[in-house]
Amino acid sequence: MAEPISPITLPPVTNPEQEGKWLREALVNWLDSEFIPETVNQTIATRATQIFVRQRMEGENDLGSLVIAIVTEMQAFDFRESFYSEFAIANAVSDLLLDSLGIDRCCGA
């Protein structure tokens, strides 16, 4: 039987503004590079970052819970002008965070 993946806990937030700025910029870069740069990418990144920072300010440090919060709250976002969905955005945030922490995200490692 496969071993369950251990939860990933982010360090407590010390500078939410800086963390949010980094995430927003990283997410816009990711969105623009995956398909084509679109104006809506700025709006998507801003909304996802707002959700993330608010969750962090409320004490949420579990990456899985943060991803679920982004998926849940981004369901209200109108993605008709985008190639993306709430799942793609939440997964991108997770990947960006894992990369920033130096955690290999390949193959469950």
PDB file of N, CA and C in Angstrom:
ATOM      1  N   MET A   1       0.843  -1.169   0.000  1.00  0.00           N
ATOM      2  CA  MET A   1       0.000   0.000   0.000  1.00  0.00           C
ATOM      3  C   MET A   1       0.895   1.242   0.000  1.00  0.00           C
ATOM      4  N   ALA A   2       0.488   2.244  -0.710  1.00  0.00           N
ATOM      5  CA  ALA A   2       1.244   3.496  -0.785  1.00  0.00           C
ATOM      6  C   ALA A   2       1.165   4.240   0.542  1.00  0.00           C
ATOM      7  N   GLU A   3       2.251   4.896   0.846  1.00  0.00           N
ATOM      8  CA  GLU A   3       2.310   5.698   2.060  1.00  0.00           C
ATOM      9  C   GLU A   3       1.592   7.027   1.831  1.00  0.00           C
ATOM     10  N   PRO A   4       0.816   7.495   2.800  1.00  0.00           N
ATOM     11  CA  PRO A   4       0.175   8.809   2.635  1.00  0.00           C
ATOM     12  C   PRO A   4       1.225   9.911   2.610  1.00  0.00           C
ATOM     13  N   ILE A   5       0.917  10.968   1.905  1.00  0.00           N
ATOM     14  CA  ILE A   5       1.813  12.123   1.835  1.00  0.00           C
ATOM     15  C   ILE A   5       1.649  12.924   3.112  1.00  0.00           C
ATOM     16  N   SER A   6       2.753  13.240   3.732  1.00  0.00           N
ATOM     17  CA  SER A   6       2.717  14.016   4.970  1.00  0.00           C
ATOM     18  C   SER A   6       2.223  15.431   4.698  1.00  0.00           C
ATOM     19  N   PRO A   7       1.486  15.994   5.640  1.00  0.00           N
ATOM     20  CA  PRO A   7       1.043  17.376   5.452  1.00  0.00           C
ATOM     21  C   PRO A   7       2.241  18.327   5.409  1.00  0.00           C
ATOM     22  N   ILE A   8       2.064  19.407   4.703  1.00  0.00           N
ATOM     23  CA  ILE A   8       3.107  20.427   4.610  1.00  0.00           C
ATOM     24  C   ILE A   8       2.618  21.655   5.353  1.00  0.00           C
ATOM     25  N   THR A   9       3.408  22.059   6.341  1.00  0.00           N
ATOM     26  CA  THR A   9       3.057  23.218   7.148  1.00  0.00           C
ATOM     27  C   THR A   9       4.001  24.350   6.809  1.00  0.00           C
ATOM     28  N   LEU A  10       3.434  25.487   6.435  1.00  0.00           N
ATOM     29  CA  LEU A  10       4.233  26.667   6.130  1.00  0.00           C
ATOM     30  C   LEU A  10       4.695  27.316   7.430  1.00  0.00           C
ATOM     31  N   PRO A  11       5.828  27.997   7.389  1.00  0.00           N
ATOM     32  CA  PRO A  11       6.247  28.743   8.582  1.00  0.00           C
ATOM     33  C   PRO A  11       5.197  29.803   8.912  1.00  0.00           C
ATOM     34  N   PRO A  12       5.052  30.150  10.179  1.00  0.00           N
ATOM     35  CA  PRO A  12       4.085  31.200  10.524  1.00  0.00           C
ATOM     36  C   PRO A  12       4.379  32.481   9.741  1.00  0.00           C
ATOM     37  N   VAL A  13       3.330  33.191   9.399  1.00  0.00           N
ATOM     38  CA  VAL A  13       3.482  34.422   8.630  1.00  0.00           C
ATOM     39  C   VAL A  13       4.082  35.511   9.528  1.00  0.00           C
ATOM     40  N   THR A  14       5.111  36.170   9.006  1.00  0.00           N
ATOM     41  CA  THR A  14       5.729  37.262   9.755  1.00  0.00           C
ATOM     42  C   THR A  14       5.535  38.596   9.045  1.00  0.00           C
ATOM     43  N   ASN A  15       5.411  38.564   7.724  1.00  0.00           N
ATOM     44  CA  ASN A  15       5.218  39.782   6.954  1.00  0.00           C
ATOM     45  C   ASN A  15       4.186  39.491   5.853  1.00  0.00           C
ATOM     46  N   PRO A  16       2.906  39.589   6.188  1.00  0.00           N
ATOM     47  CA  PRO A  16       1.876  39.208   5.221  1.00  0.00           C
ATOM     48  C   PRO A  16       1.881  40.048   3.945  1.00  0.00           C
ATOM     49  N   GLU A  17       2.239  41.328   4.052  1.00  0.00           N
ATOM     50  CA  GLU A  17       2.278  42.173   2.865  1.00  0.00           C
ATOM     51  C   GLU A  17       3.343  41.689   1.889  1.00  0.00           C
ATOM     52  N   GLN A  18       4.515  41.375   2.418  1.00  0.00           N
ATOM     53  CA  GLN A  18       5.610  40.890   1.577  1.00  0.00           C
ATOM     54  C   GLN A  18       5.271  39.525   0.982  1.00  0.00           C
ATOM     55  N   GLU A  19       4.695  38.652   1.786  1.00  0.00           N
ATOM     56  CA  GLU A  19       4.308  37.325   1.313  1.00  0.00           C
ATOM     57  C   GLU A  19       3.267  37.444   0.203  1.00  0.00           C
ATOM     58  N   GLY A  20       2.289  38.322   0.404  1.00  0.00           N
ATOM     59  CA  GLY A  20       1.264  38.534  -0.607  1.00  0.00           C
ATOM     60  C   GLY A  20       1.823  39.131  -1.888  1.00  0.00           C
ATOM     61  N   LYS A  21       2.724  40.084  -1.756  1.00  0.00           N
ATOM     62  CA  LYS A  21       3.342  40.705  -2.940  1.00  0.00           C
ATOM     63  C   LYS A  21       4.113  39.666  -3.740  1.00  0.00           C
ATOM     64  N   TRP A  22       4.886  38.846  -3.038  1.00  0.00           N
ATOM     65  CA  TRP A  22       5.642  37.802  -3.718  1.00  0.00           C
ATOM     66  C   TRP A  22       4.708  36.835  -4.448  1.00  0.00           C
ATOM     67  N   LEU A  23       3.666  36.380  -3.738  1.00  0.00           N
ATOM     68  CA  LEU A  23       2.747  35.410  -4.339  1.00  0.00           C
ATOM     69  C   LEU A  23       2.043  35.999  -5.552  1.00  0.00           C
ATOM     70  N   ARG A  24       1.575  37.225  -5.449  1.00  0.00           N
ATOM     71  CA  ARG A  24       0.873  37.847  -6.568  1.00  0.00           C
ATOM     72  C   ARG A  24       1.782  37.939  -7.792  1.00  0.00           C
ATOM     73  N   GLU A  25       2.999  38.414  -7.598  1.00  0.00           N
ATOM     74  CA  GLU A  25       3.934  38.540  -8.726  1.00  0.00           C
ATOM     75  C   GLU A  25       4.277  37.180  -9.322  1.00  0.00           C
ATOM     76  N   ALA A  26       4.530  36.203  -8.462  1.00  0.00           N
ATOM     77  CA  ALA A  26       4.871  34.856  -8.940  1.00  0.00           C
ATOM     78  C   ALA A  26       3.700  34.240  -9.697  1.00  0.00           C
ATOM     79  N   LEU A  27       2.492  34.450  -9.189  1.00  0.00           N
ATOM     80  CA  LEU A  27       1.313  33.875  -9.831  1.00  0.00           C
ATOM     81  C   LEU A  27       1.032  34.540 -11.178  1.00  0.00           C
ATOM     82  N   VAL A  28       1.167  35.856 -11.258  1.00  0.00           N
ATOM     83  CA  VAL A  28       0.995  36.546 -12.546  1.00  0.00           C
ATOM     84  C   VAL A  28       2.019  36.029 -13.551  1.00  0.00           C
ATOM     85  N   ASN A  29       3.263  35.892 -13.124  1.00  0.00           N
ATOM     86  CA  ASN A  29       4.297  35.366 -14.030  1.00  0.00           C
ATOM     87  C   ASN A  29       3.949  33.971 -14.510  1.00  0.00           C
ATOM     88  N   TRP A  30       3.478  33.134 -13.605  1.00  0.00           N
ATOM     89  CA  TRP A  30       3.100  31.771 -13.978  1.00  0.00           C
ATOM     90  C   TRP A  30       1.929  31.789 -14.956  1.00  0.00           C
ATOM     91  N   LEU A  31       0.894  32.552 -14.626  1.00  0.00           N
ATOM     92  CA  LEU A  31      -0.286  32.628 -15.499  1.00  0.00           C
ATOM     93  C   LEU A  31       0.089  33.112 -16.896  1.00  0.00           C
ATOM     94  N   ASP A  32       0.900  34.162 -16.954  1.00  0.00           N
ATOM     95  CA  ASP A  32       1.291  34.735 -18.251  1.00  0.00           C
ATOM     96  C   ASP A  32       2.173  33.786 -19.059  1.00  0.00           C
ATOM     97  N   SER A  33       2.943  32.965 -18.380  1.00  0.00           N
ATOM     98  CA  SER A  33       3.852  32.077 -19.118  1.00  0.00           C
ATOM     99  C   SER A  33       3.195  30.772 -19.545  1.00  0.00           C
ATOM    100  N   GLU A  34       2.131  30.355 -18.868  1.00  0.00           N
ATOM    101  CA  GLU A  34       1.487  29.093 -19.201  1.00  0.00           C
ATOM    102  C   GLU A  34       0.727  29.150 -20.520  1.00  0.00           C
ATOM    103  N   PHE A  35       0.044  30.239 -20.799  1.00  0.00           N
ATOM    104  CA  PHE A  35      -0.664  30.402 -22.061  1.00  0.00           C
ATOM    105  C   PHE A  35      -0.200  31.702 -22.697  1.00  0.00           C
ATOM    106  N   ILE A  36      -1.038  32.720 -22.615  1.00  0.00           N
ATOM    107  CA  ILE A  36      -0.659  34.031 -23.129  1.00  0.00           C
ATOM    108  C   ILE A  36      -0.970  35.066 -22.053  1.00  0.00           C
ATOM    109  N   PRO A  37      -0.194  36.143 -22.009  1.00  0.00           N
ATOM    110  CA  PRO A  37      -0.510  37.189 -21.034  1.00  0.00           C
ATOM    111  C   PRO A  37      -1.893  37.782 -21.330  1.00  0.00           C
ATOM    112  N   GLU A  38      -2.713  37.832 -20.307  1.00  0.00           N
ATOM    113  CA  GLU A  38      -4.046  38.412 -20.423  1.00  0.00           C
ATOM    114  C   GLU A  38      -4.276  39.359 -19.254  1.00  0.00           C
ATOM    115  N   THR A  39      -5.067  40.371 -19.487  1.00  0.00           N
ATOM    116  CA  THR A  39      -5.389  41.334 -18.429  1.00  0.00           C
ATOM    117  C   THR A  39      -6.037  40.651 -17.232  1.00  0.00           C
ATOM    118  N   VAL A  40      -6.881  39.663 -17.492  1.00  0.00           N
ATOM    119  CA  VAL A  40      -7.590  38.978 -16.412  1.00  0.00           C
ATOM    120  C   VAL A  40      -6.633  38.244 -15.475  1.00  0.00           C
ATOM    121  N   ASN A  41      -5.436  37.928 -15.937  1.00  0.00           N
ATOM    122  CA  ASN A  41      -4.470  37.248 -15.072  1.00  0.00           C
ATOM    123  C   ASN A  41      -4.126  38.089 -13.842  1.00  0.00           C
ATOM    124  N   GLN A  42      -4.055  39.392 -14.013  1.00  0.00           N
ATOM    125  CA  GLN A  42      -3.790  40.288 -12.881  1.00  0.00           C
ATOM    126  C   GLN A  42      -4.907  40.179 -11.840  1.00  0.00           C
ATOM    127  N   THR A  43      -6.137  40.155 -12.320  1.00  0.00           N
ATOM    128  CA  THR A  43      -7.296  40.077 -11.434  1.00  0.00           C
ATOM    129  C   THR A  43      -7.339  38.733 -10.719  1.00  0.00           C
ATOM    130  N   ILE A  44      -7.063  37.668 -11.448  1.00  0.00           N
ATOM    131  CA  ILE A  44      -7.041  36.330 -10.853  1.00  0.00           C
ATOM    132  C   ILE A  44      -5.980  36.261  -9.760  1.00  0.00           C
ATOM    133  N   ALA A  45      -4.785  36.729 -10.058  1.00  0.00           N
ATOM    134  CA  ALA A  45      -3.693  36.677  -9.090  1.00  0.00           C
ATOM    135  C   ALA A  45      -4.000  37.519  -7.856  1.00  0.00           C
ATOM    136  N   THR A  46      -4.596  38.668  -8.069  1.00  0.00           N
ATOM    137  CA  THR A  46      -4.952  39.535  -6.939  1.00  0.00           C
ATOM    138  C   THR A  46      -5.968  38.840  -6.040  1.00  0.00           C
ATOM    139  N   ARG A  47      -6.982  38.246  -6.624  1.00  0.00           N
ATOM    140  CA  ARG A  47      -8.022  37.574  -5.828  1.00  0.00           C
ATOM    141  C   ARG A  47      -7.455  36.372  -5.080  1.00  0.00           C
ATOM    142  N   ALA A  48      -6.682  35.541  -5.755  1.00  0.00           N
ATOM    143  CA  ALA A  48      -6.094  34.368  -5.093  1.00  0.00           C
ATOM    144  C   ALA A  48      -5.174  34.798  -3.957  1.00  0.00           C
ATOM    145  N   THR A  49      -4.419  35.859  -4.168  1.00  0.00           N
ATOM    146  CA  THR A  49      -3.512  36.360  -3.140  1.00  0.00           C
ATOM    147  C   THR A  49      -4.290  36.893  -1.945  1.00  0.00           C
ATOM    148  N   GLN A  50      -5.393  37.583  -2.190  1.00  0.00           N
ATOM    149  CA  GLN A  50      -6.219  38.082  -1.087  1.00  0.00           C
ATOM    150  C   GLN A  50      -6.716  36.929  -0.219  1.00  0.00           C
ATOM    151  N   ILE A  51      -7.172  35.868  -0.862  1.00  0.00           N
ATOM    152  CA  ILE A  51      -7.653  34.696  -0.129  1.00  0.00           C
ATOM    153  C   ILE A  51      -6.518  34.093   0.690  1.00  0.00           C
ATOM    154  N   PHE A  52      -5.386  33.901   0.040  1.00  0.00           N
ATOM    155  CA  PHE A  52      -4.230  33.292   0.691  1.00  0.00           C
ATOM    156  C   PHE A  52      -3.779  34.111   1.903  1.00  0.00           C
ATOM    157  N   VAL A  53      -3.597  35.401   1.718  1.00  0.00           N
ATOM    158  CA  VAL A  53      -3.114  36.253   2.815  1.00  0.00           C
ATOM    159  C   VAL A  53      -4.128  36.285   3.960  1.00  0.00           C
ATOM    160  N   ARG A  54      -5.404  36.386   3.643  1.00  0.00           N
ATOM    161  CA  ARG A  54      -6.410  36.391   4.705  1.00  0.00           C
ATOM    162  C   ARG A  54      -6.362  35.092   5.496  1.00  0.00           C
ATOM    163  N   GLN A  55      -6.272  33.979   4.804  1.00  0.00           N
ATOM    164  CA  GLN A  55      -6.184  32.682   5.485  1.00  0.00           C
ATOM    165  C   GLN A  55      -4.941  32.610   6.374  1.00  0.00           C
ATOM    166  N   ARG A  56      -3.835  33.095   5.872  1.00  0.00           N
ATOM    167  CA  ARG A  56      -2.586  33.090   6.651  1.00  0.00           C
ATOM    168  C   ARG A  56      -2.717  33.989   7.887  1.00  0.00           C
ATOM    169  N   MET A  57      -3.356  35.148   7.711  1.00  0.00           N
ATOM    170  CA  MET A  57      -3.545  36.069   8.838  1.00  0.00           C
ATOM    171  C   MET A  57      -4.470  35.459   9.902  1.00  0.00           C
ATOM    172  N   GLU A  58      -5.355  34.565   9.460  1.00  0.00           N
ATOM    173  CA  GLU A  58      -6.246  33.887  10.396  1.00  0.00           C
ATOM    174  C   GLU A  58      -5.572  32.686  11.053  1.00  0.00           C
ATOM    175  N   GLY A  59      -4.295  32.459  10.711  1.00  0.00           N
ATOM    176  CA  GLY A  59      -3.534  31.407  11.371  1.00  0.00           C
ATOM    177  C   GLY A  59      -3.413  30.100  10.613  1.00  0.00           C
ATOM    178  N   GLU A  60      -3.893  30.069   9.382  1.00  0.00           N
ATOM    179  CA  GLU A  60      -3.803  28.827   8.600  1.00  0.00           C
ATOM    180  C   GLU A  60      -2.409  28.678   8.014  1.00  0.00           C
ATOM    181  N   ASN A  61      -1.743  27.588   8.364  1.00  0.00           N
ATOM    182  CA  ASN A  61      -0.399  27.318   7.869  1.00  0.00           C
ATOM    183  C   ASN A  61      -0.313  26.008   7.099  1.00  0.00           C
ATOM    184  N   ASP A  62      -1.378  25.220   7.106  1.00  0.00           N
ATOM    185  CA  ASP A  62      -1.389  23.944   6.409  1.00  0.00           C
ATOM    186  C   ASP A  62      -1.617  24.178   4.911  1.00  0.00           C
ATOM    187  N   LEU A  63      -0.683  23.726   4.084  1.00  0.00           N
ATOM    188  CA  LEU A  63      -0.770  23.976   2.646  1.00  0.00           C
ATOM    189  C   LEU A  63      -2.030  23.365   2.039  1.00  0.00           C
ATOM    190  N   GLY A  64      -2.385  22.165   2.443  1.00  0.00           N
ATOM    191  CA  GLY A  64      -3.596  21.535   1.915  1.00  0.00           C
ATOM    192  C   GLY A  64      -4.843  22.350   2.219  1.00  0.00           C
ATOM    193  N   SER A  65      -4.940  22.862   3.417  1.00  0.00           N
ATOM    194  CA  SER A  65      -6.094  23.682   3.800  1.00  0.00           C
ATOM    195  C   SER A  65      -6.117  24.995   3.024  1.00  0.00           C
ATOM    196  N   LEU A  66      -4.943  25.555   2.775  1.00  0.00           N
ATOM    197  CA  LEU A  66      -4.864  26.788   1.989  1.00  0.00           C
ATOM    198  C   LEU A  66      -5.326  26.542   0.553  1.00  0.00           C
ATOM    199  N   VAL A  67      -4.932  25.417  -0.010  1.00  0.00           N
ATOM    200  CA  VAL A  67      -5.346  25.075  -1.375  1.00  0.00           C
ATOM    201  C   VAL A  67      -6.867  24.911  -1.434  1.00  0.00           C
ATOM    202  N   ILE A  68      -7.439  24.216  -0.469  1.00  0.00           N
ATOM    203  CA  ILE A  68      -8.896  24.025  -0.430  1.00  0.00           C
ATOM    204  C   ILE A  68      -9.608  25.364  -0.291  1.00  0.00           C
ATOM    205  N   ALA A  69      -9.088  26.257   0.525  1.00  0.00           N
ATOM    206  CA  ALA A  69      -9.697  27.581   0.702  1.00  0.00           C
ATOM    207  C   ALA A  69      -9.677  28.353  -0.611  1.00  0.00           C
ATOM    208  N   ILE A  70      -8.573  28.278  -1.350  1.00  0.00           N
ATOM    209  CA  ILE A  70      -8.484  28.991  -2.630  1.00  0.00           C
ATOM    210  C   ILE A  70      -9.462  28.397  -3.630  1.00  0.00           C
ATOM    211  N   VAL A  71      -9.521  27.068  -3.727  1.00  0.00           N
ATOM    212  CA  VAL A  71     -10.478  26.425  -4.639  1.00  0.00           C
ATOM    213  C   VAL A  71     -11.896  26.850  -4.288  1.00  0.00           C
ATOM    214  N   THR A  72     -12.236  26.770  -3.021  1.00  0.00           N
ATOM    215  CA  THR A  72     -13.602  27.073  -2.576  1.00  0.00           C
ATOM    216  C   THR A  72     -13.991  28.520  -2.869  1.00  0.00           C
ATOM    217  N   GLU A  73     -13.125  29.447  -2.494  1.00  0.00           N
ATOM    218  CA  GLU A  73     -13.472  30.856  -2.658  1.00  0.00           C
ATOM    219  C   GLU A  73     -13.351  31.328  -4.108  1.00  0.00           C
ATOM    220  N   MET A  74     -12.469  30.718  -4.885  1.00  0.00           N
ATOM    221  CA  MET A  74     -12.329  31.115  -6.292  1.00  0.00           C
ATOM    222  C   MET A  74     -13.480  30.575  -7.150  1.00  0.00           C
ATOM    223  N   GLN A  75     -14.317  29.696  -6.602  1.00  0.00           N
ATOM    224  CA  GLN A  75     -15.475  29.214  -7.350  1.00  0.00           C
ATOM    225  C   GLN A  75     -16.430  30.350  -7.687  1.00  0.00           C
ATOM    226  N   ALA A  76     -16.403  31.403  -6.897  1.00  0.00           N
ATOM    227  CA  ALA A  76     -17.260  32.561  -7.154  1.00  0.00           C
ATOM    228  C   ALA A  76     -16.678  33.484  -8.228  1.00  0.00           C
ATOM    229  N   PHE A  77     -15.428  33.246  -8.641  1.00  0.00           N
ATOM    230  CA  PHE A  77     -14.775  34.083  -9.639  1.00  0.00           C
ATOM    231  C   PHE A  77     -15.264  33.688 -11.031  1.00  0.00           C
ATOM    232  N   ASP A  78     -15.453  34.674 -11.897  1.00  0.00           N
ATOM    233  CA  ASP A  78     -15.890  34.430 -13.272  1.00  0.00           C
ATOM    234  C   ASP A  78     -14.668  34.156 -14.157  1.00  0.00           C
ATOM    235  N   PHE A  79     -14.456  32.907 -14.500  1.00  0.00           N
ATOM    236  CA  PHE A  79     -13.300  32.501 -15.302  1.00  0.00           C
ATOM    237  C   PHE A  79     -13.590  32.481 -16.803  1.00  0.00           C
ATOM    238  N   ARG A  80     -14.713  33.013 -17.240  1.00  0.00           N
ATOM    239  CA  ARG A  80     -15.069  32.952 -18.669  1.00  0.00           C
ATOM    240  C   ARG A  80     -14.057  33.640 -19.578  1.00  0.00           C
ATOM    241  N   GLU A  81     -13.338  34.623 -19.078  1.00  0.00           N
ATOM    242  CA  GLU A  81     -12.354  35.338 -19.901  1.00  0.00           C
ATOM    243  C   GLU A  81     -10.949  34.766 -19.740  1.00  0.00           C
ATOM    244  N   SER A  82     -10.851  33.570 -19.195  1.00  0.00           N
ATOM    245  CA  SER A  82      -9.552  32.994 -18.878  1.00  0.00           C
ATOM    246  C   SER A  82      -9.481  31.547 -19.349  1.00  0.00           C
ATOM    247  N   PHE A  83      -8.257  31.057 -19.485  1.00  0.00           N
ATOM    248  CA  PHE A  83      -8.025  29.648 -19.786  1.00  0.00           C
ATOM    249  C   PHE A  83      -8.020  28.813 -18.507  1.00  0.00           C
ATOM    250  N   TYR A  84      -8.070  29.447 -17.360  1.00  0.00           N
ATOM    251  CA  TYR A  84      -7.862  28.783 -16.082  1.00  0.00           C
ATOM    252  C   TYR A  84      -9.158  28.499 -15.350  1.00  0.00           C
ATOM    253  N   SER A  85      -9.029  27.757 -14.251  1.00  0.00           N
ATOM    254  CA  SER A  85     -10.140  27.471 -13.351  1.00  0.00           C
ATOM    255  C   SER A  85      -9.631  27.618 -11.919  1.00  0.00           C
ATOM    256  N   GLU A  86     -10.536  27.525 -10.980  1.00  0.00           N
ATOM    257  CA  GLU A  86     -10.142  27.634  -9.579  1.00  0.00           C
ATOM    258  C   GLU A  86      -9.150  26.529  -9.184  1.00  0.00           C
ATOM    259  N   PHE A  87      -9.273  25.364  -9.801  1.00  0.00           N
ATOM    260  CA  PHE A  87      -8.361  24.268  -9.481  1.00  0.00           C
ATOM    261  C   PHE A  87      -6.949  24.551  -9.997  1.00  0.00           C
ATOM    262  N   ALA A  88      -6.859  25.070 -11.203  1.00  0.00           N
ATOM    263  CA  ALA A  88      -5.549  25.408 -11.768  1.00  0.00           C
ATOM    264  C   ALA A  88      -4.859  26.478 -10.928  1.00  0.00           C
ATOM    265  N   ILE A  89      -5.623  27.444 -10.464  1.00  0.00           N
ATOM    266  CA  ILE A  89      -5.048  28.532  -9.666  1.00  0.00           C
ATOM    267  C   ILE A  89      -4.555  28.001  -8.318  1.00  0.00           C
ATOM    268  N   ALA A  90      -5.381  27.223  -7.640  1.00  0.00           N
ATOM    269  CA  ALA A  90      -4.985  26.673  -6.340  1.00  0.00           C
ATOM    270  C   ALA A  90      -3.764  25.767  -6.480  1.00  0.00           C
ATOM    271  N   ASN A  91      -3.737  24.955  -7.517  1.00  0.00           N
ATOM    272  CA  ASN A  91      -2.576  24.081  -7.739  1.00  0.00           C
ATOM    273  C   ASN A  91      -1.330  24.894  -8.053  1.00  0.00           C
ATOM    274  N   ALA A  92      -1.483  25.967  -8.821  1.00  0.00           N
ATOM    275  CA  ALA A  92      -0.333  26.822  -9.125  1.00  0.00           C
ATOM    276  C   ALA A  92       0.208  27.474  -7.862  1.00  0.00           C
ATOM    277  N   VAL A  93      -0.671  27.951  -7.001  1.00  0.00           N
ATOM    278  CA  VAL A  93      -0.237  28.541  -5.729  1.00  0.00           C
ATOM    279  C   VAL A  93       0.538  27.503  -4.924  1.00  0.00           C
ATOM    280  N   SER A  94       0.006  26.300  -4.851  1.00  0.00           N
ATOM    281  CA  SER A  94       0.689  25.230  -4.131  1.00  0.00           C
ATOM    282  C   SER A  94       2.070  24.962  -4.716  1.00  0.00           C
ATOM    283  N   ASP A  95       2.161  24.838  -6.025  1.00  0.00           N
ATOM    284  CA  ASP A  95       3.449  24.582  -6.682  1.00  0.00           C
ATOM    285  C   ASP A  95       4.444  25.711  -6.434  1.00  0.00           C
ATOM    286  N   LEU A  96       3.973  26.940  -6.526  1.00  0.00           N
ATOM    287  CA  LEU A  96       4.860  28.086  -6.293  1.00  0.00           C
ATOM    288  C   LEU A  96       5.388  28.089  -4.859  1.00  0.00           C
ATOM    289  N   LEU A  97       4.517  27.787  -3.916  1.00  0.00           N
ATOM    290  CA  LEU A  97       4.940  27.746  -2.514  1.00  0.00           C
ATOM    291  C   LEU A  97       5.931  26.612  -2.266  1.00  0.00           C
ATOM    292  N   LEU A  98       5.646  25.437  -2.819  1.00  0.00           N
ATOM    293  CA  LEU A  98       6.565  24.311  -2.652  1.00  0.00           C
ATOM    294  C   LEU A  98       7.926  24.628  -3.255  1.00  0.00           C
ATOM    295  N   ASP A  99       7.917  25.223  -4.440  1.00  0.00           N
ATOM    296  CA  ASP A  99       9.181  25.612  -5.072  1.00  0.00           C
ATOM    297  C   ASP A  99       9.942  26.597  -4.190  1.00  0.00           C
ATOM    298  N   SER A 100       9.229  27.567  -3.622  1.00  0.00           N
ATOM    299  CA  SER A 100       9.895  28.584  -2.800  1.00  0.00           C
ATOM    300  C   SER A 100      10.494  27.984  -1.527  1.00  0.00           C
ATOM    301  N   LEU A 101       9.923  26.886  -1.063  1.00  0.00           N
ATOM    302  CA  LEU A 101      10.422  26.223   0.132  1.00  0.00           C
ATOM    303  C   LEU A 101      11.475  25.166  -0.184  1.00  0.00           C
ATOM    304  N   GLY A 102      11.719  24.953  -1.474  1.00  0.00           N
ATOM    305  CA  GLY A 102      12.709  23.960  -1.885  1.00  0.00           C
ATOM    306  C   GLY A 102      12.207  22.533  -1.748  1.00  0.00           C
ATOM    307  N   ILE A 103      10.896  22.349  -1.779  1.00  0.00           N
ATOM    308  CA  ILE A 103      10.317  21.017  -1.656  1.00  0.00           C
ATOM    309  C   ILE A 103      10.040  20.466  -3.043  1.00  0.00           C
ATOM    310  N   ASP A 104      10.583  19.292  -3.329  1.00  0.00           N
ATOM    311  CA  ASP A 104      10.380  18.647  -4.623  1.00  0.00           C
ATOM    312  C   ASP A 104       8.938  18.196  -4.735  1.00  0.00           C
ATOM    313  N   ARG A 105       8.252  18.633  -5.745  1.00  0.00           N
ATOM    314  CA  ARG A 105       6.837  18.288  -5.903  1.00  0.00           C
ATOM    315  C   ARG A 105       6.617  17.188  -6.915  1.00  0.00           C
ATOM    316  N   CYS A 106       7.672  16.605  -7.403  1.00  0.00           N
ATOM    317  CA  CYS A 106       7.568  15.526  -8.370  1.00  0.00           C
ATOM    318  C   CYS A 106       7.296  14.191  -7.693  1.00  0.00           C
ATOM    319  N   CYS A 107       6.318  13.534  -8.187  1.00  0.00           N
ATOM    320  CA  CYS A 107       6.081  12.126  -7.813  1.00  0.00           C
ATOM    321  C   CYS A 107       5.817  11.925  -6.325  1.00  0.00           C
ATOM    322  N   GLY A 108       5.266  12.902  -5.665  1.00  0.00           N
ATOM    323  CA  GLY A 108       4.942  12.779  -4.248  1.00  0.00           C
ATOM    324  C   GLY A 108       6.140  12.832  -3.330  1.00  0.00           C
ATOM    325  N   ALA A 109       7.290  13.220  -3.871  1.00  0.00           N
ATOM    326  CA  ALA A 109       8.499  13.255  -3.035  1.00  0.00           C
ATOM    327  C   ALA A 109       8.512  14.487  -2.153  1.00  0.00           C
TER     328      ALA A 109
END
